[in-house]
Amino acid sequence: MGAAVGAIALAVVGFNWSGWVTSASASEMSGKQSMAAVAAALTPYCIQNAKSDPKSGDIMAEIEKASTYQRRGIVEKAGWATPLGAEKPDRALAESCQIALTKDN
């Protein structure tokens, strides 16, 4: 009986305070971290797309006027956050890009 109580206590302490995670949680965390790393690596590509776009001035003015929640959508719509070979813009890249583009303002 003592071993069972000890095992339960160890599991509670381990999962709540020691940082233990299940394989599903670890996989989810890994996926989020890899998406963030890809977005960070491709942010210069997005910024270059913004700089080379002939409509950049108008789009940047629209981004400046937009709320924080609308900015990502504007970057996606402009096509700046669509990686080569992709059909759709990447949400994480668009978010990272809009932050970098508005950082100085």
Protein backbone atom coordinates (compact mmCIF):
# COMPACT_ATOMS: atom_id res chain seq x y z
CA MET A 1 0.00 0.00 0.00
CA GLY A 2 2.86 2.37 0.80
CA ALA A 3 4.46 1.72 -2.58
CA ALA A 4 1.23 2.61 -4.41
CA VAL A 5 0.81 5.85 -2.44
CA GLY A 6 4.48 6.67 -3.05
CA ALA A 7 4.12 6.04 -6.78
CA ILE A 8 1.05 8.27 -6.99
CA ALA A 9 2.79 11.02 -5.01
CA LEU A 10 5.85 10.74 -7.24
CA ALA A 11 3.69 11.03 -10.38
CA VAL A 12 1.83 14.06 -9.02
CA VAL A 13 5.05 15.82 -8.07
CA GLY A 14 6.75 14.85 -11.31
CA PHE A 15 4.02 16.03 -13.66
CA ASN A 16 3.06 19.15 -11.71
CA TRP A 17 6.38 20.55 -10.51
CA SER A 18 9.27 18.66 -12.07
CA GLY A 19 8.49 19.33 -15.72
CA TRP A 20 7.56 15.81 -16.74
CA VAL A 21 5.41 15.68 -19.86
CA THR A 22 3.66 13.02 -21.86
CA SER A 23 4.87 12.16 -25.34
CA ALA A 24 1.85 13.98 -26.82
CA SER A 25 2.73 17.16 -24.90
CA ALA A 26 6.37 16.88 -25.93
CA SER A 27 5.36 16.43 -29.56
CA GLU A 28 3.07 19.46 -29.40
CA MET A 29 5.81 21.60 -27.85
CA SER A 30 8.30 20.42 -30.46
CA GLY A 31 5.90 21.29 -33.27
CA LYS A 32 5.33 24.79 -31.91
CA GLN A 33 9.06 25.38 -31.50
CA SER A 34 9.86 24.20 -35.03
CA MET A 35 7.12 26.43 -36.50
CA ALA A 36 8.55 29.39 -34.59
CA ALA A 37 12.07 28.58 -35.81
CA VAL A 38 10.91 28.38 -39.43
CA ALA A 39 9.06 31.68 -39.11
CA ALA A 40 12.14 33.33 -37.60
CA ALA A 41 14.35 31.97 -40.39
CA LEU A 42 11.97 33.16 -43.12
CA THR A 43 11.23 36.61 -41.68
CA PRO A 44 14.05 38.25 -43.72
CA TYR A 45 12.49 36.69 -46.85
CA CYS A 46 9.14 38.27 -45.95
CA ILE A 47 10.73 41.65 -45.29
CA GLN A 48 12.54 41.48 -48.64
CA ASN A 49 9.22 40.71 -50.34
CA ALA A 50 7.74 43.77 -48.65
CA LYS A 51 10.60 46.01 -49.75
CA SER A 52 10.49 44.83 -53.36
CA ASP A 53 6.70 45.09 -53.69
CA PRO A 54 5.69 48.13 -55.77
CA LYS A 55 2.59 48.53 -53.56
CA SER A 56 4.65 48.45 -50.39
CA GLY A 57 3.98 52.07 -49.42
CA ASP A 58 0.21 51.66 -49.59
CA ILE A 59 0.27 48.34 -47.77
CA MET A 60 2.56 49.68 -45.03
CA ALA A 61 0.20 52.64 -44.57
CA GLU A 62 -2.67 50.18 -44.23
CA ILE A 63 -0.68 48.17 -41.67
CA GLU A 64 0.09 51.33 -39.68
CA LYS A 65 -3.62 52.22 -39.48
CA ALA A 66 -4.77 48.68 -38.70
CA SER A 67 -5.21 47.23 -35.24
CA THR A 68 -2.69 44.72 -33.98
CA TYR A 69 -5.11 41.89 -34.73
CA GLN A 70 -5.61 42.94 -38.36
CA ARG A 71 -1.97 43.39 -39.31
CA ARG A 72 -1.18 39.71 -39.82
CA GLY A 73 -4.08 39.41 -42.24
CA ILE A 74 -2.83 42.36 -44.27
CA VAL A 75 0.64 40.80 -44.57
CA GLU A 76 -0.94 37.48 -45.60
CA LYS A 77 -3.18 39.18 -48.16
CA ALA A 78 -0.21 41.07 -49.63
CA GLY A 79 1.48 37.70 -50.30
CA TRP A 80 4.62 38.61 -48.40
CA ALA A 81 4.29 35.64 -46.03
CA THR A 82 3.80 32.99 -48.71
CA PRO A 83 7.00 30.92 -48.92
CA LEU A 84 8.28 29.81 -52.32
CA GLY A 85 6.36 26.78 -53.53
CA ALA A 86 3.53 27.27 -51.03
CA GLU A 87 -0.02 28.03 -52.05
CA LYS A 88 -1.07 29.71 -48.81
CA PRO A 89 0.64 32.22 -46.54
CA ASP A 90 2.16 30.94 -43.32
CA ARG A 91 0.43 32.40 -40.24
CA ALA A 92 3.49 32.31 -37.99
CA LEU A 93 5.63 33.91 -40.70
CA ALA A 94 3.02 36.63 -41.27
CA GLU A 95 2.92 37.39 -37.54
CA SER A 96 6.70 37.50 -37.28
CA CYS A 97 6.94 39.63 -40.41
CA GLN A 98 4.38 42.20 -39.33
CA ILE A 99 6.16 42.56 -35.99
CA ALA A 100 9.49 43.12 -37.76
CA LEU A 101 7.97 45.58 -40.24
CA THR A 102 6.32 47.68 -37.52
CA LYS A 103 9.12 47.37 -34.96
CA ASP A 104 10.60 50.82 -35.63
CA ASN A 105 7.24 52.61 -35.47
